[in-house]
Amino acid sequence: MKTFVIERDIPGANRLTADELKGIAMKSCEVVAGFGAPYKWITSYVAGDKIYCVHEAESAEDIYRHAREGGFPANKVTEVAAIIGPQTAAA
């Protein structure tokens, strides 16, 4: 599977309550469970008016399908070309 970063524009995202975030997470998991194709939600970051998500899927179209079925925006979907971190410097 390919890895994608999804940028979701959600005004006031950083003010969502724990219960609201739980509801979003539950809906995402529900969609993934019934997806019928390889799909994995890795993690999400709430920052300002956005939620940035990292998902694995076969294609960007699968990412957009997950968003449609979940009822959340997917304003920008970008395939990850490489992953680096402090360990990269030591390699």
Protein backbone atom coordinates (compact mmCIF):
# COMPACT_ATOMS: atom_id res chain seq x y z
CA MET A 1 0.00 0.00 0.00
CA LYS A 2 1.01 3.60 -0.52
CA THR A 3 1.14 6.19 2.27
CA PHE A 4 -0.78 9.45 1.95
CA VAL A 5 -0.96 12.68 3.94
CA ILE A 6 -4.47 14.15 3.95
CA GLU A 7 -5.12 17.80 4.75
CA ARG A 8 -8.64 18.42 6.04
CA ASP A 9 -9.86 22.00 6.42
CA ILE A 10 -12.10 22.06 9.50
CA PRO A 11 -12.63 25.54 10.96
CA GLY A 12 -12.07 25.39 14.72
CA ALA A 13 -10.60 21.88 14.59
CA ASN A 14 -8.32 22.71 17.52
CA ARG A 15 -11.40 23.49 19.61
CA LEU A 16 -13.17 20.17 18.98
CA THR A 17 -13.98 18.40 22.24
CA ALA A 18 -12.68 14.97 23.17
CA ASP A 19 -16.17 13.59 22.49
CA GLU A 20 -16.30 15.22 19.05
CA LEU A 21 -12.87 13.84 18.16
CA LYS A 22 -13.95 10.42 19.40
CA GLY A 23 -17.01 10.60 17.15
CA ILE A 24 -14.86 11.46 14.13
CA ALA A 25 -12.49 8.60 14.97
CA MET A 26 -15.35 6.14 15.41
CA LYS A 27 -16.83 7.11 12.04
CA SER A 28 -13.44 6.76 10.33
CA CYS A 29 -12.93 3.30 11.85
CA GLU A 30 -16.46 2.29 10.81
CA VAL A 31 -15.75 3.27 7.20
CA VAL A 32 -12.40 1.45 7.23
CA ALA A 33 -14.02 -1.70 8.65
CA GLY A 34 -16.54 -1.82 5.81
CA PHE A 35 -14.22 -0.61 3.07
CA GLY A 36 -13.70 -3.92 1.28
CA ALA A 37 -10.22 -2.92 0.08
CA PRO A 38 -6.84 -2.59 1.78
CA TYR A 39 -6.93 0.58 3.89
CA LYS A 40 -5.29 1.63 7.14
CA TRP A 41 -5.57 4.80 9.20
CA ILE A 42 -2.17 5.42 10.80
CA THR A 43 -2.59 8.67 12.79
CA SER A 44 -3.98 12.19 12.69
CA TYR A 45 -2.81 15.56 13.99
CA VAL A 46 -5.20 18.35 14.98
CA ALA A 47 -3.61 21.77 14.41
CA GLY A 48 -5.41 25.08 14.12
CA ASP A 49 -8.19 24.85 11.54
CA LYS A 50 -6.93 21.60 10.05
CA ILE A 51 -6.60 17.92 10.71
CA TYR A 52 -3.64 16.24 9.03
CA CYS A 53 -4.06 12.49 8.62
CA VAL A 54 -1.69 9.72 7.58
CA HIS A 55 -3.41 6.80 5.88
CA GLU A 56 -2.28 3.82 3.81
CA ALA A 57 -4.28 2.86 0.73
CA GLU A 58 -3.87 1.54 -2.78
CA SER A 59 -4.69 4.89 -4.41
CA ALA A 60 -5.64 8.51 -3.82
CA GLU A 61 -9.14 7.65 -5.05
CA ASP A 62 -9.47 5.27 -2.08
CA ILE A 63 -8.56 8.19 0.21
CA TYR A 64 -11.26 10.36 -1.37
CA ARG A 65 -13.76 7.48 -1.11
CA HIS A 66 -13.03 7.12 2.62
CA ALA A 67 -13.62 10.86 3.05
CA ARG A 68 -16.91 10.79 1.11
CA GLU A 69 -18.23 7.78 3.01
CA GLY A 70 -17.12 9.25 6.35
CA GLY A 71 -18.49 12.69 5.64
CA PHE A 72 -15.20 14.48 6.21
CA PRO A 73 -13.29 16.79 3.87
CA ALA A 74 -10.13 15.74 2.05
CA ASN A 75 -8.96 19.10 0.75
CA LYS A 76 -5.51 17.92 -0.27
CA VAL A 77 -4.21 14.37 -0.66
CA THR A 78 -0.49 13.85 -1.22
CA GLU A 79 1.37 10.58 -1.66
CA VAL A 80 4.41 10.30 0.61
CA ALA A 81 7.63 9.98 -1.38
CA ALA A 82 9.98 9.27 1.56
CA ILE A 83 10.08 9.27 5.35
CA ILE A 84 12.99 10.86 7.21
CA GLY A 85 13.80 11.63 10.82
CA PRO A 86 16.76 11.86 13.19
CA GLN A 87 17.63 8.25 12.40
CA THR A 88 18.14 9.26 8.76
CA ALA A 89 21.12 11.40 9.75
CA ALA A 90 22.73 8.46 11.55
CA ALA A 91 22.26 5.96 8.71
